[in-house]
Amino acid sequence: MTAETESLMLEILKRLQGDTSEIKQDMRDLKVRTGLLEGHLASLLTAQHHTNERLDRLNDRVERIERRLELVEIK
């Protein structure tokens, strides 16, 4: 190979290496962001679960009140 060809190949390889480094960094960033999203989703699901439990308890209380006041038929 001539010096010009070697220089051109070296330049191409350097650009490829730079592009690969950028892709690797982008992948690391995406993994971090995905991890954060997973954490937020887990928090939301936990909050929803607690909200559902609270609503269930409130529903039970309302049903008891309705039965005591005879607002509904007792089955």
PDB file of N, CA and C in Angstrom:
ATOM      1  N   MET A   1       0.842  -1.185   0.000  1.00  0.00           N
ATOM      2  CA  MET A   1       0.000   0.000   0.000  1.00  0.00           C
ATOM      3  C   MET A   1       0.882   1.240   0.000  1.00  0.00           C
ATOM      4  N   THR A   2       0.369   2.246  -0.614  1.00  0.00           N
ATOM      5  CA  THR A   2       1.098   3.508  -0.639  1.00  0.00           C
ATOM      6  C   THR A   2       0.833   4.259   0.652  1.00  0.00           C
ATOM      7  N   ALA A   3       1.655   5.246   0.918  1.00  0.00           N
ATOM      8  CA  ALA A   3       1.509   6.053   2.136  1.00  0.00           C
ATOM      9  C   ALA A   3       0.166   6.778   2.138  1.00  0.00           C
ATOM     10  N   GLU A   4      -0.271   7.206   0.972  1.00  0.00           N
ATOM     11  CA  GLU A   4      -1.554   7.916   0.873  1.00  0.00           C
ATOM     12  C   GLU A   4      -2.713   6.985   1.228  1.00  0.00           C
ATOM     13  N   THR A   5      -2.654   5.754   0.725  1.00  0.00           N
ATOM     14  CA  THR A   5      -3.695   4.774   1.014  1.00  0.00           C
ATOM     15  C   THR A   5      -3.708   4.427   2.495  1.00  0.00           C
ATOM     16  N   GLU A   6      -2.515   4.241   3.071  1.00  0.00           N
ATOM     17  CA  GLU A   6      -2.421   3.934   4.502  1.00  0.00           C
ATOM     18  C   GLU A   6      -2.976   5.080   5.339  1.00  0.00           C
ATOM     19  N   SER A   7      -2.667   6.298   4.929  1.00  0.00           N
ATOM     20  CA  SER A   7      -3.162   7.468   5.653  1.00  0.00           C
ATOM     21  C   SER A   7      -4.682   7.547   5.576  1.00  0.00           C
ATOM     22  N   LEU A   8      -5.226   7.273   4.398  1.00  0.00           N
ATOM     23  CA  LEU A   8      -6.676   7.287   4.216  1.00  0.00           C
ATOM     24  C   LEU A   8      -7.338   6.199   5.062  1.00  0.00           C
ATOM     25  N   MET A   9      -6.753   5.000   5.058  1.00  0.00           N
ATOM     26  CA  MET A   9      -7.288   3.899   5.861  1.00  0.00           C
ATOM     27  C   MET A   9      -7.230   4.241   7.350  1.00  0.00           C
ATOM     28  N   LEU A  10      -6.134   4.826   7.784  1.00  0.00           N
ATOM     29  CA  LEU A  10      -5.985   5.210   9.186  1.00  0.00           C
ATOM     30  C   LEU A  10      -7.040   6.245   9.571  1.00  0.00           C
ATOM     31  N   GLU A  11      -7.290   7.196   8.705  1.00  0.00           N
ATOM     32  CA  GLU A  11      -8.306   8.227   8.960  1.00  0.00           C
ATOM     33  C   GLU A  11      -9.698   7.598   9.060  1.00  0.00           C
ATOM     34  N   ILE A  12      -9.993   6.675   8.166  1.00  0.00           N
ATOM     35  CA  ILE A  12     -11.290   5.985   8.194  1.00  0.00           C
ATOM     36  C   ILE A  12     -11.434   5.183   9.487  1.00  0.00           C
ATOM     37  N   LEU A  13     -10.381   4.474   9.873  1.00  0.00           N
ATOM     38  CA  LEU A  13     -10.426   3.683  11.102  1.00  0.00           C
ATOM     39  C   LEU A  13     -10.599   4.572  12.334  1.00  0.00           C
ATOM     40  N   LYS A  14      -9.954   5.727  12.338  1.00  0.00           N
ATOM     41  CA  LYS A  14     -10.104   6.662  13.464  1.00  0.00           C
ATOM     42  C   LYS A  14     -11.540   7.164  13.560  1.00  0.00           C
ATOM     43  N   ARG A  15     -12.144   7.473  12.413  1.00  0.00           N
ATOM     44  CA  ARG A  15     -13.542   7.924  12.414  1.00  0.00           C
ATOM     45  C   ARG A  15     -14.471   6.817  12.906  1.00  0.00           C
ATOM     46  N   LEU A  16     -14.216   5.589  12.444  1.00  0.00           N
ATOM     47  CA  LEU A  16     -15.021   4.454  12.901  1.00  0.00           C
ATOM     48  C   LEU A  16     -14.881   4.254  14.410  1.00  0.00           C
ATOM     49  N   GLN A  17     -13.664   4.392  14.903  1.00  0.00           N
ATOM     50  CA  GLN A  17     -13.432   4.242  16.335  1.00  0.00           C
ATOM     51  C   GLN A  17     -14.163   5.339  17.116  1.00  0.00           C
ATOM     52  N   GLY A  18     -14.130   6.552  16.597  1.00  0.00           N
ATOM     53  CA  GLY A  18     -14.852   7.653  17.243  1.00  0.00           C
ATOM     54  C   GLY A  18     -16.350   7.423  17.241  1.00  0.00           C
ATOM     55  N   ASP A  19     -16.868   6.976  16.105  1.00  0.00           N
ATOM     56  CA  ASP A  19     -18.303   6.681  16.015  1.00  0.00           C
ATOM     57  C   ASP A  19     -18.693   5.563  16.981  1.00  0.00           C
ATOM     58  N   THR A  20     -17.850   4.540  17.062  1.00  0.00           N
ATOM     59  CA  THR A  20     -18.113   3.432  17.978  1.00  0.00           C
ATOM     60  C   THR A  20     -18.112   3.914  19.424  1.00  0.00           C
ATOM     61  N   SER A  21     -17.193   4.791  19.758  1.00  0.00           N
ATOM     62  CA  SER A  21     -17.147   5.346  21.117  1.00  0.00           C
ATOM     63  C   SER A  21     -18.412   6.133  21.426  1.00  0.00           C
ATOM     64  N   GLU A  22     -18.890   6.905  20.462  1.00  0.00           N
ATOM     65  CA  GLU A  22     -20.134   7.661  20.658  1.00  0.00           C
ATOM     66  C   GLU A  22     -21.316   6.720  20.870  1.00  0.00           C
ATOM     67  N   ILE A  23     -21.366   5.662  20.087  1.00  0.00           N
ATOM     68  CA  ILE A  23     -22.454   4.691  20.221  1.00  0.00           C
ATOM     69  C   ILE A  23     -22.403   4.036  21.600  1.00  0.00           C
ATOM     70  N   LYS A  24     -21.202   3.682  22.052  1.00  0.00           N
ATOM     71  CA  LYS A  24     -21.067   3.075  23.380  1.00  0.00           C
ATOM     72  C   LYS A  24     -21.542   4.033  24.466  1.00  0.00           C
ATOM     73  N   GLN A  25     -21.178   5.302  24.351  1.00  0.00           N
ATOM     74  CA  GLN A  25     -21.609   6.293  25.338  1.00  0.00           C
ATOM     75  C   GLN A  25     -23.124   6.474  25.296  1.00  0.00           C
ATOM     76  N   ASP A  26     -23.684   6.514  24.100  1.00  0.00           N
ATOM     77  CA  ASP A  26     -25.142   6.616  23.965  1.00  0.00           C
ATOM     78  C   ASP A  26     -25.834   5.418  24.617  1.00  0.00           C
ATOM     79  N   MET A  27     -25.274   4.232  24.433  1.00  0.00           N
ATOM     80  CA  MET A  27     -25.852   3.027  25.039  1.00  0.00           C
ATOM     81  C   MET A  27     -25.783   3.106  26.562  1.00  0.00           C
ATOM     82  N   ARG A  28     -24.668   3.583  27.101  1.00  0.00           N
ATOM     83  CA  ARG A  28     -24.555   3.743  28.556  1.00  0.00           C
ATOM     84  C   ARG A  28     -25.610   4.720  29.061  1.00  0.00           C
ATOM     85  N   ASP A  29     -25.762   5.833  28.347  1.00  0.00           N
ATOM     86  CA  ASP A  29     -26.768   6.830  28.733  1.00  0.00           C
ATOM     87  C   ASP A  29     -28.175   6.236  28.697  1.00  0.00           C
ATOM     88  N   LEU A  30     -28.469   5.475  27.659  1.00  0.00           N
ATOM     89  CA  LEU A  30     -29.788   4.850  27.542  1.00  0.00           C
ATOM     90  C   LEU A  30     -30.033   3.845  28.663  1.00  0.00           C
ATOM     91  N   LYS A  31     -28.996   3.108  29.038  1.00  0.00           N
ATOM     92  CA  LYS A  31     -29.140   2.148  30.134  1.00  0.00           C
ATOM     93  C   LYS A  31     -29.443   2.874  31.440  1.00  0.00           C
ATOM     94  N   VAL A  32     -28.767   3.987  31.675  1.00  0.00           N
ATOM     95  CA  VAL A  32     -29.022   4.768  32.889  1.00  0.00           C
ATOM     96  C   VAL A  32     -30.453   5.295  32.877  1.00  0.00           C
ATOM     97  N   ARG A  33     -30.855   5.868  31.754  1.00  0.00           N
ATOM     98  CA  ARG A  33     -32.212   6.421  31.658  1.00  0.00           C
ATOM     99  C   ARG A  33     -33.266   5.326  31.808  1.00  0.00           C
ATOM    100  N   THR A  34     -33.015   4.161  31.218  1.00  0.00           N
ATOM    101  CA  THR A  34     -33.948   3.045  31.349  1.00  0.00           C
ATOM    102  C   THR A  34     -34.051   2.607  32.805  1.00  0.00           C
ATOM    103  N   GLY A  35     -32.923   2.558  33.488  1.00  0.00           N
ATOM    104  CA  GLY A  35     -32.931   2.205  34.905  1.00  0.00           C
ATOM    105  C   GLY A  35     -33.729   3.194  35.730  1.00  0.00           C
ATOM    106  N   LEU A  36     -33.582   4.474  35.420  1.00  0.00           N
ATOM    107  CA  LEU A  36     -34.353   5.496  36.131  1.00  0.00           C
ATOM    108  C   LEU A  36     -35.845   5.343  35.861  1.00  0.00           C
ATOM    109  N   LEU A  37     -36.193   5.079  34.614  1.00  0.00           N
ATOM    110  CA  LEU A  37     -37.605   4.866  34.269  1.00  0.00           C
ATOM    111  C   LEU A  37     -38.178   3.655  34.996  1.00  0.00           C
ATOM    112  N   GLU A  38     -37.388   2.590  35.085  1.00  0.00           N
ATOM    113  CA  GLU A  38     -37.851   1.402  35.802  1.00  0.00           C
ATOM    114  C   GLU A  38     -38.101   1.724  37.272  1.00  0.00           C
ATOM    115  N   GLY A  39     -37.204   2.517  37.866  1.00  0.00           N
ATOM    116  CA  GLY A  39     -37.381   2.915  39.259  1.00  0.00           C
ATOM    117  C   GLY A  39     -38.631   3.749  39.457  1.00  0.00           C
ATOM    118  N   HIS A  40     -38.865   4.686  38.553  1.00  0.00           N
ATOM    119  CA  HIS A  40     -40.064   5.525  38.645  1.00  0.00           C
ATOM    120  C   HIS A  40     -41.332   4.687  38.458  1.00  0.00           C
ATOM    121  N   LEU A  41     -41.289   3.758  37.524  1.00  0.00           N
ATOM    122  CA  LEU A  41     -42.446   2.890  37.299  1.00  0.00           C
ATOM    123  C   LEU A  41     -42.736   2.053  38.541  1.00  0.00           C
ATOM    124  N   ALA A  42     -41.688   1.526  39.160  1.00  0.00           N
ATOM    125  CA  ALA A  42     -41.881   0.740  40.383  1.00  0.00           C
ATOM    126  C   ALA A  42     -42.508   1.597  41.475  1.00  0.00           C
ATOM    127  N   SER A  43     -42.070   2.844  41.590  1.00  0.00           N
ATOM    128  CA  SER A  43     -42.647   3.755  42.586  1.00  0.00           C
ATOM    129  C   SER A  43     -44.119   4.020  42.296  1.00  0.00           C
ATOM    130  N   LEU A  44     -44.440   4.235  41.039  1.00  0.00           N
ATOM    131  CA  LEU A  44     -45.836   4.474  40.664  1.00  0.00           C
ATOM    132  C   LEU A  44     -46.714   3.260  40.955  1.00  0.00           C
ATOM    133  N   LEU A  45     -46.200   2.081  40.662  1.00  0.00           N
ATOM    134  CA  LEU A  45     -46.972   0.868  40.919  1.00  0.00           C
ATOM    135  C   LEU A  45     -47.187   0.665  42.414  1.00  0.00           C
ATOM    136  N   THR A  46     -46.165   0.970  43.207  1.00  0.00           N
ATOM    137  CA  THR A  46     -46.301   0.874  44.660  1.00  0.00           C
ATOM    138  C   THR A  46     -47.342   1.860  45.162  1.00  0.00           C
ATOM    139  N   ALA A  47     -47.283   3.085  44.669  1.00  0.00           N
ATOM    140  CA  ALA A  47     -48.259   4.104  45.077  1.00  0.00           C
ATOM    141  C   ALA A  47     -49.670   3.686  44.677  1.00  0.00           C
ATOM    142  N   GLN A  48     -49.815   3.130  43.486  1.00  0.00           N
ATOM    143  CA  GLN A  48     -51.132   2.678  43.032  1.00  0.00           C
ATOM    144  C   GLN A  48     -51.650   1.556  43.927  1.00  0.00           C
ATOM    145  N   HIS A  49     -50.765   0.647  44.296  1.00  0.00           N
ATOM    146  CA  HIS A  49     -51.157  -0.456  45.167  1.00  0.00           C
ATOM    147  C   HIS A  49     -51.666   0.076  46.509  1.00  0.00           C
ATOM    148  N   HIS A  50     -50.939   1.029  47.092  1.00  0.00           N
ATOM    149  CA  HIS A  50     -51.364   1.609  48.368  1.00  0.00           C
ATOM    150  C   HIS A  50     -52.689   2.358  48.218  1.00  0.00           C
ATOM    151  N   THR A  51     -52.853   3.042  47.115  1.00  0.00           N
ATOM    152  CA  THR A  51     -54.115   3.757  46.868  1.00  0.00           C
ATOM    153  C   THR A  51     -55.275   2.773  46.764  1.00  0.00           C
ATOM    154  N   ASN A  52     -55.056   1.672  46.051  1.00  0.00           N
ATOM    155  CA  ASN A  52     -56.103   0.655  45.920  1.00  0.00           C
ATOM    156  C   ASN A  52     -56.461   0.046  47.274  1.00  0.00           C
ATOM    157  N   GLU A  53     -55.447  -0.204  48.103  1.00  0.00           N
ATOM    158  CA  GLU A  53     -55.716  -0.740  49.441  1.00  0.00           C
ATOM    159  C   GLU A  53     -56.553   0.241  50.255  1.00  0.00           C
ATOM    160  N   ARG A  54     -56.204   1.501  50.168  1.00  0.00           N
ATOM    161  CA  ARG A  54     -56.945   2.518  50.916  1.00  0.00           C
ATOM    162  C   ARG A  54     -58.391   2.620  50.418  1.00  0.00           C
ATOM    163  N   LEU A  55     -58.567   2.591  49.105  1.00  0.00           N
ATOM    164  CA  LEU A  55     -59.923   2.626  48.548  1.00  0.00           C
ATOM    165  C   LEU A  55     -60.735   1.407  48.987  1.00  0.00           C
ATOM    166  N   ASP A  56     -60.093   0.253  49.032  1.00  0.00           N
ATOM    167  CA  ASP A  56     -60.792  -0.953  49.494  1.00  0.00           C
ATOM    168  C   ASP A  56     -61.256  -0.794  50.941  1.00  0.00           C
ATOM    169  N   ARG A  57     -60.386  -0.253  51.791  1.00  0.00           N
ATOM    170  CA  ARG A  57     -60.773  -0.039  53.191  1.00  0.00           C
ATOM    171  C   ARG A  57     -61.918   0.962  53.296  1.00  0.00           C
ATOM    172  N   LEU A  58     -61.853   2.033  52.516  1.00  0.00           N
ATOM    173  CA  LEU A  58     -62.934   3.021  52.531  1.00  0.00           C
ATOM    174  C   LEU A  58     -64.245   2.411  52.038  1.00  0.00           C
ATOM    175  N   ASN A  59     -64.158   1.592  51.017  1.00  0.00           N
ATOM    176  CA  ASN A  59     -65.348   0.918  50.495  1.00  0.00           C
ATOM    177  C   ASN A  59     -65.969   0.022  51.566  1.00  0.00           C
ATOM    178  N   ASP A  60     -65.129  -0.708  52.286  1.00  0.00           N
ATOM    179  CA  ASP A  60     -65.631  -1.563  53.367  1.00  0.00           C
ATOM    180  C   ASP A  60     -66.333  -0.731  54.440  1.00  0.00           C
ATOM    181  N   ARG A  61     -65.747   0.403  54.778  1.00  0.00           N
ATOM    182  CA  ARG A  61     -66.357   1.272  55.792  1.00  0.00           C
ATOM    183  C   ARG A  61     -67.710   1.811  55.320  1.00  0.00           C
ATOM    184  N   VAL A  62     -67.784   2.236  54.076  1.00  0.00           N
ATOM    185  CA  VAL A  62     -69.046   2.761  53.534  1.00  0.00           C
ATOM    186  C   VAL A  62     -70.108   1.665  53.539  1.00  0.00           C
ATOM    187  N   GLU A  63     -69.730   0.456  53.152  1.00  0.00           N
ATOM    188  CA  GLU A  63     -70.688  -0.653  53.156  1.00  0.00           C
ATOM    189  C   GLU A  63     -71.201  -0.927  54.565  1.00  0.00           C
ATOM    190  N   ARG A  64     -70.309  -0.897  55.559  1.00  0.00           N
ATOM    191  CA  ARG A  64     -70.737  -1.098  56.943  1.00  0.00           C
ATOM    192  C   ARG A  64     -71.700  -0.006  57.392  1.00  0.00           C
ATOM    193  N   ILE A  65     -71.401   1.226  57.044  1.00  0.00           N
ATOM    194  CA  ILE A  65     -72.272   2.359  57.402  1.00  0.00           C
ATOM    195  C   ILE A  65     -73.638   2.191  56.748  1.00  0.00           C
ATOM    196  N   GLU A  66     -73.647   1.814  55.477  1.00  0.00           N
ATOM    197  CA  GLU A  66     -74.921   1.619  54.770  1.00  0.00           C
ATOM    198  C   GLU A  66     -75.747   0.515  55.425  1.00  0.00           C
ATOM    199  N   ARG A  67     -75.087  -0.568  55.826  1.00  0.00           N
ATOM    200  CA  ARG A  67     -75.820  -1.659  56.481  1.00  0.00           C
ATOM    201  C   ARG A  67     -76.385  -1.204  57.828  1.00  0.00           C
ATOM    202  N   ARG A  68     -75.584  -0.487  58.600  1.00  0.00           N
ATOM    203  CA  ARG A  68     -76.050  -0.024  59.917  1.00  0.00           C
ATOM    204  C   ARG A  68     -77.221   0.945  59.796  1.00  0.00           C
ATOM    205  N   LEU A  69     -77.176   1.777  58.782  1.00  0.00           N
ATOM    206  CA  LEU A  69     -78.261   2.748  58.584  1.00  0.00           C
ATOM    207  C   LEU A  69     -79.399   2.169  57.752  1.00  0.00           C
ATOM    208  N   GLU A  70     -79.239   0.915  57.393  1.00  0.00           N
ATOM    209  CA  GLU A  70     -80.229   0.200  56.586  1.00  0.00           C
ATOM    210  C   GLU A  70     -80.538   0.942  55.283  1.00  0.00           C
ATOM    211  N   LEU A  71     -79.474   1.407  54.638  1.00  0.00           N
ATOM    212  CA  LEU A  71     -79.621   2.091  53.353  1.00  0.00           C
ATOM    213  C   LEU A  71     -79.602   1.111  52.185  1.00  0.00           C
ATOM    214  N   VAL A  72     -79.188  -0.109  52.459  1.00  0.00           N
ATOM    215  CA  VAL A  72     -79.169  -1.146  51.422  1.00  0.00           C
ATOM    216  C   VAL A  72     -79.761  -2.413  52.013  1.00  0.00           C
ATOM    217  N   GLU A  73     -80.205  -3.286  51.138  1.00  0.00           N
ATOM    218  CA  GLU A  73     -80.738  -4.559  51.606  1.00  0.00           C
ATOM    219  C   GLU A  73     -79.601  -5.444  52.079  1.00  0.00           C
ATOM    220  N   ILE A  74     -79.805  -6.100  53.198  1.00  0.00           N
ATOM    221  CA  ILE A  74     -78.810  -7.044  53.703  1.00  0.00           C
ATOM    222  C   ILE A  74     -79.042  -8.371  53.001  1.00  0.00           C
ATOM    223  N   LYS A  75     -78.002  -8.907  52.452  1.00  0.00           N
ATOM    224  CA  LYS A  75     -78.121 -10.155  51.680  1.00  0.00           C
ATOM    225  C   LYS A  75     -77.917 -11.356  52.561  1.00  0.00           C
TER     226      LYS A  75
END
